[in-house]
Amino acid sequence: MTGRPPMSKKSLLKCFFLKTYFSIDSLRKLVRILQRFRCFQRACGLSEVPHLSTFSRAAKWFREQGFPVFHAQLLKDLEVRYPKIVLIDSTALRSSLYDSQAK
């Protein structure tokens, strides 16, 4: 095995919640805050602060794969089922005064 051991996705997700809750506008600031305030580091379950690139890769993973997986699992755990409903909008539309204006 080469490289660093993988970071816990749960810990990284906690870091992203921290970023959102405190309106931290960049990953660099998040890393600096985690390095400066050990209480946040411990609250996120980190023994050491990950490198900026780790957060960048994790953000991409959560965006592309993670949140759809979490969403599906949440719906499954809550036993949410999508009912089969068809909605039809029958609002009458007014035509334009001149047909050339209708687009």
Protein backbone atom coordinates (compact mmCIF):
# COMPACT_ATOMS: atom_id res chain seq x y z
CA MET A 1 0.00 0.00 0.00
CA THR A 2 1.36 3.40 -0.92
CA GLY A 3 0.32 6.89 0.05
CA ARG A 4 -1.61 8.03 3.07
CA PRO A 5 -4.41 5.98 4.59
CA PRO A 6 -7.87 7.14 3.48
CA MET A 7 -9.67 9.73 5.62
CA SER A 8 -13.00 8.88 7.14
CA LYS A 9 -15.80 10.23 4.97
CA LYS A 10 -17.78 10.86 8.13
CA SER A 11 -15.02 13.14 9.48
CA LEU A 12 -14.73 14.96 6.17
CA LEU A 13 -18.50 15.44 6.04
CA LYS A 14 -18.37 16.95 9.54
CA CYS A 15 -15.70 19.36 8.30
CA PHE A 16 -17.95 20.42 5.41
CA PHE A 17 -20.85 20.97 7.83
CA LEU A 18 -18.50 23.13 9.90
CA LYS A 19 -17.57 25.06 6.76
CA THR A 20 -21.22 25.67 5.93
CA TYR A 21 -22.33 26.49 9.49
CA PHE A 22 -19.62 29.12 10.00
CA SER A 23 -19.88 30.44 6.40
CA ILE A 24 -16.25 29.65 5.65
CA ASP A 25 -15.86 30.63 2.01
CA SER A 26 -12.85 28.54 0.99
CA LEU A 27 -11.21 25.22 1.70
CA ARG A 28 -7.93 27.00 2.53
CA LYS A 29 -9.69 28.93 5.31
CA LEU A 30 -11.27 25.71 6.54
CA VAL A 31 -7.84 24.06 6.80
CA ARG A 32 -6.42 27.09 8.67
CA ILE A 33 -9.35 27.15 11.11
CA LEU A 34 -9.03 23.42 11.79
CA GLN A 35 -5.28 23.86 12.39
CA ARG A 36 -5.80 26.83 14.69
CA PHE A 37 -8.77 25.59 16.72
CA ARG A 38 -8.12 22.06 17.96
CA CYS A 39 -11.65 21.84 19.41
CA PHE A 40 -13.08 21.87 15.85
CA GLN A 41 -10.53 19.29 14.80
CA ARG A 42 -11.60 17.01 17.66
CA ALA A 43 -15.31 17.66 17.01
CA CYS A 44 -14.81 16.47 13.43
CA GLY A 45 -13.00 13.35 14.64
CA LEU A 46 -9.63 14.25 13.13
CA SER A 47 -6.31 13.33 14.71
CA GLU A 48 -4.55 15.58 12.22
CA VAL A 49 -5.80 18.12 9.70
CA PRO A 50 -5.92 16.72 6.16
CA HIS A 51 -4.14 18.47 3.31
CA LEU A 52 -6.07 20.92 1.17
CA SER A 53 -6.01 18.47 -1.75
CA THR A 54 -7.75 15.87 0.42
CA PHE A 55 -10.59 18.30 1.06
CA SER A 56 -10.71 19.19 -2.62
CA ARG A 57 -11.01 15.54 -3.68
CA ALA A 58 -13.58 14.89 -0.95
CA ALA A 59 -15.68 17.88 -2.06
CA LYS A 60 -15.69 16.53 -5.61
CA TRP A 61 -16.63 13.04 -4.38
CA PHE A 62 -19.49 14.35 -2.21
CA ARG A 63 -20.80 16.48 -5.09
CA GLU A 64 -20.67 13.75 -7.70
CA GLN A 65 -21.31 10.53 -5.76
CA GLY A 66 -21.69 11.05 -2.03
CA PHE A 67 -24.83 13.12 -1.69
CA PRO A 68 -26.89 11.00 -4.10
CA VAL A 69 -25.84 7.93 -2.08
CA PHE A 70 -26.70 9.65 1.23
CA HIS A 71 -30.02 10.85 -0.18
CA ALA A 72 -30.99 7.37 -1.38
CA GLN A 73 -30.02 5.84 1.97
CA LEU A 74 -31.97 8.49 3.88
CA LEU A 75 -35.08 7.85 1.81
CA LYS A 76 -34.66 4.12 2.38
CA ASP A 77 -34.19 4.55 6.15
CA LEU A 78 -37.23 6.83 6.39
CA GLU A 79 -39.19 4.40 4.21
CA VAL A 80 -40.18 7.19 1.84
CA ARG A 81 -41.93 6.00 -1.25
CA TYR A 82 -42.69 8.14 -4.24
CA PRO A 83 -46.41 8.00 -4.99
CA LYS A 84 -47.49 7.80 -8.60
CA ILE A 85 -49.25 11.11 -9.11
CA VAL A 86 -49.84 13.00 -12.32
CA LEU A 87 -50.42 16.75 -12.10
CA ILE A 88 -51.92 18.61 -15.01
CA ASP A 89 -51.90 22.38 -15.27
CA SER A 90 -55.00 23.52 -17.11
CA THR A 91 -54.36 27.25 -16.81
CA ALA A 92 -55.57 29.09 -19.89
CA LEU A 93 -52.87 31.02 -21.72
CA ARG A 94 -53.65 34.31 -23.35
CA SER A 95 -52.38 34.80 -26.83
CA SER A 96 -50.41 37.85 -27.76
CA LEU A 97 -52.13 40.85 -29.27
CA TYR A 98 -50.08 40.26 -32.36
CA ASP A 99 -48.95 36.85 -33.48
CA SER A 100 -45.47 38.21 -34.26
CA GLN A 101 -44.97 38.90 -30.52
CA ALA A 102 -45.82 35.36 -29.52
CA LYS A 103 -42.67 33.32 -29.02
